[in-house]
């Protein structure tokens, strides 16, 4: 799985979730979610954060493909100690983007 969208599809299918279910849990439309899976649209940071939390996956694996594949024999679903700092950075970036929009 070389791309973010491939990892997104992998997570959903491995846990037998529908696109509708994931879109509801992440507060995005199903059509946008489908575009994320197809790689047609790059999701925002808030969506990525919700996916990390929904699947409880390592941020490095989801974003960069680095580390063990979750839910498989090759890897376990152990979070990297740096994951909390990555999520904190995502939240900080989200706030900066929002502040920029208000200016």
PDB file of N, CA and C in Angstrom:
ATOM      1  N   UNK A   1       0.835  -1.168   0.000  1.00  0.00           N
ATOM      2  CA  UNK A   1       0.000   0.000   0.000  1.00  0.00           C
ATOM      3  C   UNK A   1       0.884   1.237   0.000  1.00  0.00           C
ATOM      4  N   UNK A   2       0.994   1.831  -1.143  1.00  0.00           N
ATOM      5  CA  UNK A   2       1.916   2.938  -1.303  1.00  0.00           C
ATOM      6  C   UNK A   2       1.294   4.305  -1.067  1.00  0.00           C
ATOM      7  N   UNK A   3      -0.013   4.416  -1.177  1.00  0.00           N
ATOM      8  CA  UNK A   3      -0.636   5.728  -1.079  1.00  0.00           C
ATOM      9  C   UNK A   3      -1.633   5.796   0.074  1.00  0.00           C
ATOM     10  N   UNK A   4      -1.922   7.033   0.490  1.00  0.00           N
ATOM     11  CA  UNK A   4      -2.885   7.263   1.558  1.00  0.00           C
ATOM     12  C   UNK A   4      -4.228   6.632   1.213  1.00  0.00           C
ATOM     13  N   UNK A   5      -4.700   6.850  -0.010  1.00  0.00           N
ATOM     14  CA  UNK A   5      -6.021   6.330  -0.370  1.00  0.00           C
ATOM     15  C   UNK A   5      -6.059   4.802  -0.349  1.00  0.00           C
ATOM     16  N   UNK A   6      -4.962   4.141  -0.701  1.00  0.00           N
ATOM     17  CA  UNK A   6      -4.920   2.676  -0.621  1.00  0.00           C
ATOM     18  C   UNK A   6      -5.005   2.218   0.831  1.00  0.00           C
ATOM     19  N   UNK A   7      -4.340   2.938   1.720  1.00  0.00           N
ATOM     20  CA  UNK A   7      -4.405   2.584   3.145  1.00  0.00           C
ATOM     21  C   UNK A   7      -5.799   2.827   3.700  1.00  0.00           C
ATOM     22  N   UNK A   8      -6.455   3.871   3.217  1.00  0.00           N
ATOM     23  CA  UNK A   8      -7.814   4.176   3.642  1.00  0.00           C
ATOM     24  C   UNK A   8      -8.771   3.050   3.255  1.00  0.00           C
ATOM     25  N   UNK A   9      -8.669   2.581   2.034  1.00  0.00           N
ATOM     26  CA  UNK A   9      -9.503   1.476   1.561  1.00  0.00           C
ATOM     27  C   UNK A   9      -9.191   0.213   2.370  1.00  0.00           C
ATOM     28  N   UNK A  10      -7.914  -0.050   2.582  1.00  0.00           N
ATOM     29  CA  UNK A  10      -7.504  -1.233   3.345  1.00  0.00           C
ATOM     30  C   UNK A  10      -8.161  -1.253   4.729  1.00  0.00           C
ATOM     31  N   UNK A  11      -8.100  -0.136   5.435  1.00  0.00           N
ATOM     32  CA  UNK A  11      -8.674  -0.077   6.780  1.00  0.00           C
ATOM     33  C   UNK A  11     -10.172  -0.360   6.751  1.00  0.00           C
ATOM     34  N   UNK A  12     -10.871   0.298   5.856  1.00  0.00           N
ATOM     35  CA  UNK A  12     -12.318   0.130   5.789  1.00  0.00           C
ATOM     36  C   UNK A  12     -12.709  -1.294   5.448  1.00  0.00           C
ATOM     37  N   UNK A  13     -12.066  -1.859   4.446  1.00  0.00           N
ATOM     38  CA  UNK A  13     -12.427  -3.215   4.012  1.00  0.00           C
ATOM     39  C   UNK A  13     -12.014  -4.273   5.032  1.00  0.00           C
ATOM     40  N   UNK A  14     -10.893  -4.068   5.698  1.00  0.00           N
ATOM     41  CA  UNK A  14     -10.434  -5.032   6.688  1.00  0.00           C
ATOM     42  C   UNK A  14     -11.437  -5.162   7.835  1.00  0.00           C
ATOM     43  N   UNK A  15     -12.031  -4.050   8.213  1.00  0.00           N
ATOM     44  CA  UNK A  15     -12.998  -4.073   9.308  1.00  0.00           C
ATOM     45  C   UNK A  15     -14.441  -4.188   8.808  1.00  0.00           C
ATOM     46  N   UNK A  16     -14.593  -4.379   7.509  1.00  0.00           N
ATOM     47  CA  UNK A  16     -15.904  -4.590   6.888  1.00  0.00           C
ATOM     48  C   UNK A  16     -16.856  -3.423   7.132  1.00  0.00           C
ATOM     49  N   UNK A  17     -16.318  -2.217   7.072  1.00  0.00           N
ATOM     50  CA  UNK A  17     -17.136  -1.014   7.182  1.00  0.00           C
ATOM     51  C   UNK A  17     -17.588  -0.598   5.784  1.00  0.00           C
ATOM     52  N   UNK A  18     -18.726   0.031   5.721  1.00  0.00           N
ATOM     53  CA  UNK A  18     -19.177   0.599   4.451  1.00  0.00           C
ATOM     54  C   UNK A  18     -18.654   2.031   4.339  1.00  0.00           C
ATOM     55  N   UNK A  19     -18.643   2.534   3.128  1.00  0.00           N
ATOM     56  CA  UNK A  19     -18.262   3.935   2.949  1.00  0.00           C
ATOM     57  C   UNK A  19     -19.236   4.842   3.690  1.00  0.00           C
ATOM     58  N   UNK A  20     -20.501   4.481   3.680  1.00  0.00           N
ATOM     59  CA  UNK A  20     -21.510   5.277   4.375  1.00  0.00           C
ATOM     60  C   UNK A  20     -21.208   5.346   5.871  1.00  0.00           C
ATOM     61  N   UNK A  21     -20.852   4.210   6.466  1.00  0.00           N
ATOM     62  CA  UNK A  21     -20.549   4.167   7.893  1.00  0.00           C
ATOM     63  C   UNK A  21     -19.366   5.084   8.222  1.00  0.00           C
ATOM     64  N   UNK A  22     -18.291   4.969   7.453  1.00  0.00           N
ATOM     65  CA  UNK A  22     -17.097   5.774   7.707  1.00  0.00           C
ATOM     66  C   UNK A  22     -17.391   7.252   7.476  1.00  0.00           C
ATOM     67  N   UNK A  23     -18.158   7.546   6.449  1.00  0.00           N
ATOM     68  CA  UNK A  23     -18.470   8.953   6.178  1.00  0.00           C
ATOM     69  C   UNK A  23     -19.289   9.544   7.326  1.00  0.00           C
ATOM     70  N   UNK A  24     -20.209   8.784   7.882  1.00  0.00           N
ATOM     71  CA  UNK A  24     -20.994   9.267   9.022  1.00  0.00           C
ATOM     72  C   UNK A  24     -20.103   9.475  10.252  1.00  0.00           C
ATOM     73  N   UNK A  25     -19.209   8.541  10.501  1.00  0.00           N
ATOM     74  CA  UNK A  25     -18.330   8.627  11.674  1.00  0.00           C
ATOM     75  C   UNK A  25     -17.321   9.768  11.559  1.00  0.00           C
ATOM     76  N   UNK A  26     -17.002  10.160  10.341  1.00  0.00           N
ATOM     77  CA  UNK A  26     -16.012  11.219  10.141  1.00  0.00           C
ATOM     78  C   UNK A  26     -16.641  12.546   9.730  1.00  0.00           C
ATOM     79  N   UNK A  27     -17.960  12.570   9.657  1.00  0.00           N
ATOM     80  CA  UNK A  27     -18.707  13.795   9.331  1.00  0.00           C
ATOM     81  C   UNK A  27     -18.359  14.381   7.961  1.00  0.00           C
ATOM     82  N   UNK A  28     -18.179  13.498   6.975  1.00  0.00           N
ATOM     83  CA  UNK A  28     -18.001  13.943   5.595  1.00  0.00           C
ATOM     84  C   UNK A  28     -19.070  13.264   4.743  1.00  0.00           C
ATOM     85  N   UNK A  29     -19.373  13.849   3.613  1.00  0.00           N
ATOM     86  CA  UNK A  29     -20.357  13.219   2.743  1.00  0.00           C
ATOM     87  C   UNK A  29     -19.771  11.935   2.156  1.00  0.00           C
ATOM     88  N   UNK A  30     -20.665  11.015   1.815  1.00  0.00           N
ATOM     89  CA  UNK A  30     -20.192   9.770   1.230  1.00  0.00           C
ATOM     90  C   UNK A  30     -19.498  10.030  -0.101  1.00  0.00           C
ATOM     91  N   UNK A  31     -19.982  10.995  -0.847  1.00  0.00           N
ATOM     92  CA  UNK A  31     -19.344  11.282  -2.145  1.00  0.00           C
ATOM     93  C   UNK A  31     -17.919  11.797  -1.950  1.00  0.00           C
ATOM     94  N   UNK A  32     -17.705  12.650  -0.949  1.00  0.00           N
ATOM     95  CA  UNK A  32     -16.337  13.112  -0.671  1.00  0.00           C
ATOM     96  C   UNK A  32     -15.471  11.969  -0.174  1.00  0.00           C
ATOM     97  N   UNK A  33     -16.031  11.141   0.694  1.00  0.00           N
ATOM     98  CA  UNK A  33     -15.255  10.008   1.195  1.00  0.00           C
ATOM     99  C   UNK A  33     -14.830   9.102   0.032  1.00  0.00           C
ATOM    100  N   UNK A  34     -15.743   8.859  -0.877  1.00  0.00           N
ATOM    101  CA  UNK A  34     -15.425   8.030  -2.042  1.00  0.00           C
ATOM    102  C   UNK A  34     -14.275   8.638  -2.843  1.00  0.00           C
ATOM    103  N   UNK A  35     -14.283   9.964  -2.984  1.00  0.00           N
ATOM    104  CA  UNK A  35     -13.203  10.646  -3.704  1.00  0.00           C
ATOM    105  C   UNK A  35     -11.872  10.505  -2.967  1.00  0.00           C
ATOM    106  N   UNK A  36     -11.897  10.499  -1.634  1.00  0.00           N
ATOM    107  CA  UNK A  36     -10.667  10.287  -0.861  1.00  0.00           C
ATOM    108  C   UNK A  36     -10.108   8.899  -1.152  1.00  0.00           C
ATOM    109  N   UNK A  37     -10.995   7.891  -1.155  1.00  0.00           N
ATOM    110  CA  UNK A  37     -10.546   6.515  -1.416  1.00  0.00           C
ATOM    111  C   UNK A  37     -10.004   6.344  -2.831  1.00  0.00           C
ATOM    112  N   UNK A  38     -10.553   7.066  -3.764  1.00  0.00           N
ATOM    113  CA  UNK A  38     -10.104   6.969  -5.154  1.00  0.00           C
ATOM    114  C   UNK A  38      -8.863   7.816  -5.417  1.00  0.00           C
ATOM    115  N   UNK A  39      -8.488   8.647  -4.435  1.00  0.00           N
ATOM    116  CA  UNK A  39      -7.332   9.516  -4.619  1.00  0.00           C
ATOM    117  C   UNK A  39      -7.632  10.720  -5.485  1.00  0.00           C
ATOM    118  N   UNK A  40      -8.917  11.024  -5.694  1.00  0.00           N
ATOM    119  CA  UNK A  40      -9.300  12.155  -6.528  1.00  0.00           C
ATOM    120  C   UNK A  40      -9.215  13.477  -5.773  1.00  0.00           C
ATOM    121  N   UNK A  41      -9.387  13.417  -4.456  1.00  0.00           N
ATOM    122  CA  UNK A  41      -9.362  14.601  -3.615  1.00  0.00           C
ATOM    123  C   UNK A  41      -8.505  14.291  -2.395  1.00  0.00           C
ATOM    124  N   UNK A  42      -7.676  15.242  -2.012  1.00  0.00           N
ATOM    125  CA  UNK A  42      -6.856  15.072  -0.818  1.00  0.00           C
ATOM    126  C   UNK A  42      -7.639  15.587   0.386  1.00  0.00           C
ATOM    127  N   UNK A  43      -7.793  14.751   1.414  1.00  0.00           N
ATOM    128  CA  UNK A  43      -8.581  15.169   2.574  1.00  0.00           C
ATOM    129  C   UNK A  43      -7.844  16.186   3.437  1.00  0.00           C
ATOM    130  N   UNK A  44      -8.627  16.899   4.231  1.00  0.00           N
ATOM    131  CA  UNK A  44      -8.059  17.858   5.158  1.00  0.00           C
ATOM    132  C   UNK A  44      -7.541  17.181   6.418  1.00  0.00           C
ATOM    133  N   UNK A  45      -6.851  17.964   7.208  1.00  0.00           N
ATOM    134  CA  UNK A  45      -6.254  17.432   8.434  1.00  0.00           C
ATOM    135  C   UNK A  45      -7.291  16.929   9.428  1.00  0.00           C
ATOM    136  N   UNK A  46      -8.433  17.593   9.514  1.00  0.00           N
ATOM    137  CA  UNK A  46      -9.450  17.152  10.474  1.00  0.00           C
ATOM    138  C   UNK A  46      -9.973  15.770  10.106  1.00  0.00           C
ATOM    139  N   UNK A  47     -10.103  15.478   8.814  1.00  0.00           N
ATOM    140  CA  UNK A  47     -10.534  14.150   8.382  1.00  0.00           C
ATOM    141  C   UNK A  47      -9.484  13.106   8.739  1.00  0.00           C
ATOM    142  N   UNK A  48      -8.236  13.419   8.489  1.00  0.00           N
ATOM    143  CA  UNK A  48      -7.150  12.479   8.794  1.00  0.00           C
ATOM    144  C   UNK A  48      -7.144  12.160  10.291  1.00  0.00           C
ATOM    145  N   UNK A  49      -7.312  13.172  11.100  1.00  0.00           N
ATOM    146  CA  UNK A  49      -7.355  12.963  12.550  1.00  0.00           C
ATOM    147  C   UNK A  49      -8.511  12.035  12.931  1.00  0.00           C
ATOM    148  N   UNK A  50      -9.675  12.240  12.321  1.00  0.00           N
ATOM    149  CA  UNK A  50     -10.832  11.399  12.623  1.00  0.00           C
ATOM    150  C   UNK A  50     -10.593   9.950  12.213  1.00  0.00           C
ATOM    151  N   UNK A  51      -9.909   9.748  11.100  1.00  0.00           N
ATOM    152  CA  UNK A  51      -9.597   8.383  10.650  1.00  0.00           C
ATOM    153  C   UNK A  51      -8.636   7.711  11.633  1.00  0.00           C
ATOM    154  N   UNK A  52      -7.628   8.445  12.073  1.00  0.00           N
ATOM    155  CA  UNK A  52      -6.675   7.905  13.049  1.00  0.00           C
ATOM    156  C   UNK A  52      -7.414   7.468  14.306  1.00  0.00           C
ATOM    157  N   UNK A  53      -8.347   8.294  14.753  1.00  0.00           N
ATOM    158  CA  UNK A  53      -9.100   7.973  15.961  1.00  0.00           C
ATOM    159  C   UNK A  53     -10.108   6.846  15.724  1.00  0.00           C
ATOM    160  N   UNK A  54     -10.781   6.855  14.585  1.00  0.00           N
ATOM    161  CA  UNK A  54     -11.777   5.824  14.284  1.00  0.00           C
ATOM    162  C   UNK A  54     -11.149   4.434  14.266  1.00  0.00           C
ATOM    163  N   UNK A  55     -10.023   4.311  13.589  1.00  0.00           N
ATOM    164  CA  UNK A  55      -9.380   3.012  13.438  1.00  0.00           C
ATOM    165  C   UNK A  55      -8.302   2.746  14.493  1.00  0.00           C
ATOM    166  N   UNK A  56      -7.968   3.761  15.280  1.00  0.00           N
ATOM    167  CA  UNK A  56      -6.902   3.655  16.270  1.00  0.00           C
ATOM    168  C   UNK A  56      -5.622   3.141  15.605  1.00  0.00           C
ATOM    169  N   UNK A  57      -5.226   3.835  14.550  1.00  0.00           N
ATOM    170  CA  UNK A  57      -4.029   3.448  13.805  1.00  0.00           C
ATOM    171  C   UNK A  57      -2.933   4.472  14.015  1.00  0.00           C
ATOM    172  N   UNK A  58      -1.730   4.038  13.735  1.00  0.00           N
ATOM    173  CA  UNK A  58      -0.562   4.896  13.844  1.00  0.00           C
ATOM    174  C   UNK A  58      -0.599   5.960  12.747  1.00  0.00           C
ATOM    175  N   UNK A  59      -0.414   7.203  13.149  1.00  0.00           N
ATOM    176  CA  UNK A  59      -0.455   8.314  12.196  1.00  0.00           C
ATOM    177  C   UNK A  59       0.627   8.180  11.130  1.00  0.00           C
ATOM    178  N   UNK A  60       1.819   7.738  11.516  1.00  0.00           N
ATOM    179  CA  UNK A  60       2.896   7.578  10.538  1.00  0.00           C
ATOM    180  C   UNK A  60       2.529   6.561   9.468  1.00  0.00           C
ATOM    181  N   UNK A  61       1.871   5.489   9.875  1.00  0.00           N
ATOM    182  CA  UNK A  61       1.478   4.474   8.897  1.00  0.00           C
ATOM    183  C   UNK A  61       0.409   5.036   7.964  1.00  0.00           C
ATOM    184  N   UNK A  62      -0.602   5.673   8.536  1.00  0.00           N
ATOM    185  CA  UNK A  62      -1.693   6.179   7.712  1.00  0.00           C
ATOM    186  C   UNK A  62      -1.213   7.243   6.732  1.00  0.00           C
ATOM    187  N   UNK A  63      -0.435   8.188   7.206  1.00  0.00           N
ATOM    188  CA  UNK A  63      -0.032   9.321   6.374  1.00  0.00           C
ATOM    189  C   UNK A  63       1.124   8.981   5.448  1.00  0.00           C
ATOM    190  N   UNK A  64       2.130   8.289   5.978  1.00  0.00           N
ATOM    191  CA  UNK A  64       3.361   8.051   5.210  1.00  0.00           C
ATOM    192  C   UNK A  64       3.573   6.602   4.781  1.00  0.00           C
ATOM    193  N   UNK A  65       2.813   5.675   5.372  1.00  0.00           N
ATOM    194  CA  UNK A  65       3.021   4.257   5.074  1.00  0.00           C
ATOM    195  C   UNK A  65       4.207   3.672   5.806  1.00  0.00           C
ATOM    196  N   UNK A  66       4.631   4.334   6.881  1.00  0.00           N
ATOM    197  CA  UNK A  66       5.792   3.889   7.646  1.00  0.00           C
ATOM    198  C   UNK A  66       5.325   3.083   8.852  1.00  0.00           C
ATOM    199  N   UNK A  67       5.910   1.911   9.031  1.00  0.00           N
ATOM    200  CA  UNK A  67       5.582   1.089  10.190  1.00  0.00           C
ATOM    201  C   UNK A  67       4.797  -0.145   9.796  1.00  0.00           C
ATOM    202  N   UNK A  68       4.352  -0.857  10.818  1.00  0.00           N
ATOM    203  CA  UNK A  68       3.617  -2.094  10.605  1.00  0.00           C
ATOM    204  C   UNK A  68       2.204  -1.833  10.094  1.00  0.00           C
ATOM    205  N   UNK A  69       1.736  -2.740   9.270  1.00  0.00           N
ATOM    206  CA  UNK A  69       0.371  -2.667   8.769  1.00  0.00           C
ATOM    207  C   UNK A  69      -0.556  -3.107   9.898  1.00  0.00           C
ATOM    208  N   UNK A  70      -1.529  -2.275  10.271  1.00  0.00           N
ATOM    209  CA  UNK A  70      -2.440  -2.669  11.343  1.00  0.00           C
ATOM    210  C   UNK A  70      -3.399  -3.773  10.907  1.00  0.00           C
ATOM    211  N   UNK A  71      -3.866  -4.548  11.866  1.00  0.00           N
ATOM    212  CA  UNK A  71      -4.872  -5.587  11.638  1.00  0.00           C
ATOM    213  C   UNK A  71      -4.392  -6.678  10.697  1.00  0.00           C
ATOM    214  N   UNK A  72      -3.097  -6.957  10.681  1.00  0.00           N
ATOM    215  CA  UNK A  72      -2.591  -8.014   9.804  1.00  0.00           C
ATOM    216  C   UNK A  72      -1.564  -8.843  10.554  1.00  0.00           C
ATOM    217  N   UNK A  73      -1.135  -9.915   9.938  1.00  0.00           N
ATOM    218  CA  UNK A  73      -0.104 -10.747  10.548  1.00  0.00           C
ATOM    219  C   UNK A  73       1.238 -10.046  10.574  1.00  0.00           C
ATOM    220  N   UNK A  74       1.460  -9.109   9.630  1.00  0.00           N
ATOM    221  CA  UNK A  74       2.742  -8.405   9.571  1.00  0.00           C
ATOM    222  C   UNK A  74       2.893  -7.397  10.695  1.00  0.00           C
ATOM    223  N   UNK A  75       1.788  -6.956  11.252  1.00  0.00           N
ATOM    224  CA  UNK A  75       1.876  -5.928  12.282  1.00  0.00           C
ATOM    225  C   UNK A  75       0.709  -5.990  13.237  1.00  0.00           C
ATOM    226  N   UNK A  76       0.833  -5.226  14.265  1.00  0.00           N
ATOM    227  CA  UNK A  76      -0.234  -5.129  15.242  1.00  0.00           C
ATOM    228  C   UNK A  76      -0.730  -3.696  15.246  1.00  0.00           C
ATOM    229  N   UNK A  77      -1.712  -3.450  16.043  1.00  0.00           N
ATOM    230  CA  UNK A  77      -2.286  -2.114  16.100  1.00  0.00           C
ATOM    231  C   UNK A  77      -1.685  -1.317  17.247  1.00  0.00           C
ATOM    232  N   UNK A  78      -0.386  -1.396  17.415  1.00  0.00           N
ATOM    233  CA  UNK A  78       0.284  -0.649  18.479  1.00  0.00           C
ATOM    234  C   UNK A  78       0.595   0.747  17.998  1.00  0.00           C
ATOM    235  N   UNK A  79       0.185   1.736  18.791  1.00  0.00           N
ATOM    236  CA  UNK A  79       0.434   3.123  18.423  1.00  0.00           C
ATOM    237  C   UNK A  79       1.872   3.500  18.723  1.00  0.00           C
ATOM    238  N   UNK A  80       2.429   4.306  17.869  1.00  0.00           N
ATOM    239  CA  UNK A  80       3.762   4.860  18.050  1.00  0.00           C
ATOM    240  C   UNK A  80       3.703   5.881  19.184  1.00  0.00           C
ATOM    241  N   UNK A  81       4.734   5.931  20.050  1.00  0.00           N
ATOM    242  CA  UNK A  81       4.723   6.935  21.121  1.00  0.00           C
ATOM    243  C   UNK A  81       4.623   8.367  20.598  1.00  0.00           C
ATOM    244  N   UNK A  82       5.066   8.587  19.365  1.00  0.00           N
ATOM    245  CA  UNK A  82       5.015   9.928  18.799  1.00  0.00           C
ATOM    246  C   UNK A  82       3.637  10.293  18.250  1.00  0.00           C
ATOM    247  N   UNK A  83       2.705   9.348  18.255  1.00  0.00           N
ATOM    248  CA  UNK A  83       1.401   9.599  17.658  1.00  0.00           C
ATOM    249  C   UNK A  83       0.677  10.755  18.342  1.00  0.00           C
ATOM    250  N   UNK A  84       0.762  10.836  19.670  1.00  0.00           N
ATOM    251  CA  UNK A  84       0.093  11.930  20.365  1.00  0.00           C
ATOM    252  C   UNK A  84       0.653  13.273  19.929  1.00  0.00           C
ATOM    253  N   UNK A  85       1.965  13.345  19.715  1.00  0.00           N
ATOM    254  CA  UNK A  85       2.541  14.613  19.272  1.00  0.00           C
ATOM    255  C   UNK A  85       2.111  14.930  17.842  1.00  0.00           C
ATOM    256  N   UNK A  86       1.952  13.921  17.006  1.00  0.00           N
ATOM    257  CA  UNK A  86       1.491  14.133  15.642  1.00  0.00           C
ATOM    258  C   UNK A  86       0.056  14.651  15.660  1.00  0.00           C
ATOM    259  N   UNK A  87      -0.796  14.042  16.494  1.00  0.00           N
ATOM    260  CA  UNK A  87      -2.174  14.505  16.593  1.00  0.00           C
ATOM    261  C   UNK A  87      -2.238  15.929  17.131  1.00  0.00           C
ATOM    262  N   UNK A  88      -1.360  16.258  18.074  1.00  0.00           N
ATOM    263  CA  UNK A  88      -1.315  17.617  18.612  1.00  0.00           C
ATOM    264  C   UNK A  88      -0.915  18.603  17.517  1.00  0.00           C
ATOM    265  N   UNK A  89       0.034  18.209  16.671  1.00  0.00           N
ATOM    266  CA  UNK A  89       0.446  19.083  15.566  1.00  0.00           C
ATOM    267  C   UNK A  89      -0.689  19.275  14.558  1.00  0.00           C
ATOM    268  N   UNK A  90      -1.441  18.208  14.315  1.00  0.00           N
ATOM    269  CA  UNK A  90      -2.588  18.303  13.400  1.00  0.00           C
ATOM    270  C   UNK A  90      -3.599  19.300  13.958  1.00  0.00           C
ATOM    271  N   UNK A  91      -3.883  19.196  15.259  1.00  0.00           N
ATOM    272  CA  UNK A  91      -4.828  20.125  15.882  1.00  0.00           C
ATOM    273  C   UNK A  91      -4.320  21.561  15.783  1.00  0.00           C
ATOM    274  N   UNK A  92      -3.021  21.762  16.007  1.00  0.00           N
ATOM    275  CA  UNK A  92      -2.444  23.099  15.922  1.00  0.00           C
ATOM    276  C   UNK A  92      -2.581  23.653  14.501  1.00  0.00           C
ATOM    277  N   UNK A  93      -2.292  22.823  13.505  1.00  0.00           N
ATOM    278  CA  UNK A  93      -2.416  23.247  12.113  1.00  0.00           C
ATOM    279  C   UNK A  93      -3.859  23.591  11.765  1.00  0.00           C
ATOM    280  N   UNK A  94      -4.799  22.788  12.274  1.00  0.00           N
ATOM    281  CA  UNK A  94      -6.212  23.072  12.030  1.00  0.00           C
ATOM    282  C   UNK A  94      -6.586  24.447  12.570  1.00  0.00           C
ATOM    283  N   UNK A  95      -6.112  24.757  13.773  1.00  0.00           N
ATOM    284  CA  UNK A  95      -6.418  26.047  14.379  1.00  0.00           C
ATOM    285  C   UNK A  95      -5.793  27.189  13.582  1.00  0.00           C
ATOM    286  N   UNK A  96      -4.572  26.983  13.091  1.00  0.00           N
ATOM    287  CA  UNK A  96      -3.921  28.003  12.287  1.00  0.00           C
ATOM    288  C   UNK A  96      -4.668  28.235  10.983  1.00  0.00           C
ATOM    289  N   UNK A  97      -5.144  27.165  10.364  1.00  0.00           N
ATOM    290  CA  UNK A  97      -5.903  27.293   9.122  1.00  0.00           C
ATOM    291  C   UNK A  97      -7.188  28.052   9.379  1.00  0.00           C
ATOM    292  N   UNK A  98      -7.880  27.719  10.465  1.00  0.00           N
ATOM    293  CA  UNK A  98      -9.123  28.416  10.813  1.00  0.00           C
ATOM    294  C   UNK A  98      -8.869  29.891  11.076  1.00  0.00           C
ATOM    295  N   UNK A  99      -7.786  30.194  11.793  1.00  0.00           N
ATOM    296  CA  UNK A  99      -7.459  31.587  12.091  1.00  0.00           C
ATOM    297  C   UNK A  99      -7.170  32.362  10.800  1.00  0.00           C
ATOM    298  N   UNK A 100      -6.503  31.728   9.858  1.00  0.00           N
ATOM    299  CA  UNK A 100      -6.182  32.349   8.582  1.00  0.00           C
ATOM    300  C   UNK A 100      -7.458  32.635   7.794  1.00  0.00           C
ATOM    301  N   UNK A 101      -8.423  31.710   7.851  1.00  0.00           N
ATOM    302  CA  UNK A 101      -9.679  31.898   7.134  1.00  0.00           C
ATOM    303  C   UNK A 101     -10.461  33.087   7.671  1.00  0.00           C
ATOM    304  N   UNK A 102     -10.340  33.350   8.970  1.00  0.00           N
ATOM    305  CA  UNK A 102     -11.097  34.430   9.601  1.00  0.00           C
ATOM    306  C   UNK A 102     -10.502  35.797   9.306  1.00  0.00           C
ATOM    307  N   UNK A 103      -9.240  35.828   8.916  1.00  0.00           N
ATOM    308  CA  UNK A 103      -8.557  37.116   8.647  1.00  0.00           C
ATOM    309  C   UNK A 103      -8.970  37.721   7.347  1.00  0.00           C
TER     310      UNK A 103
END
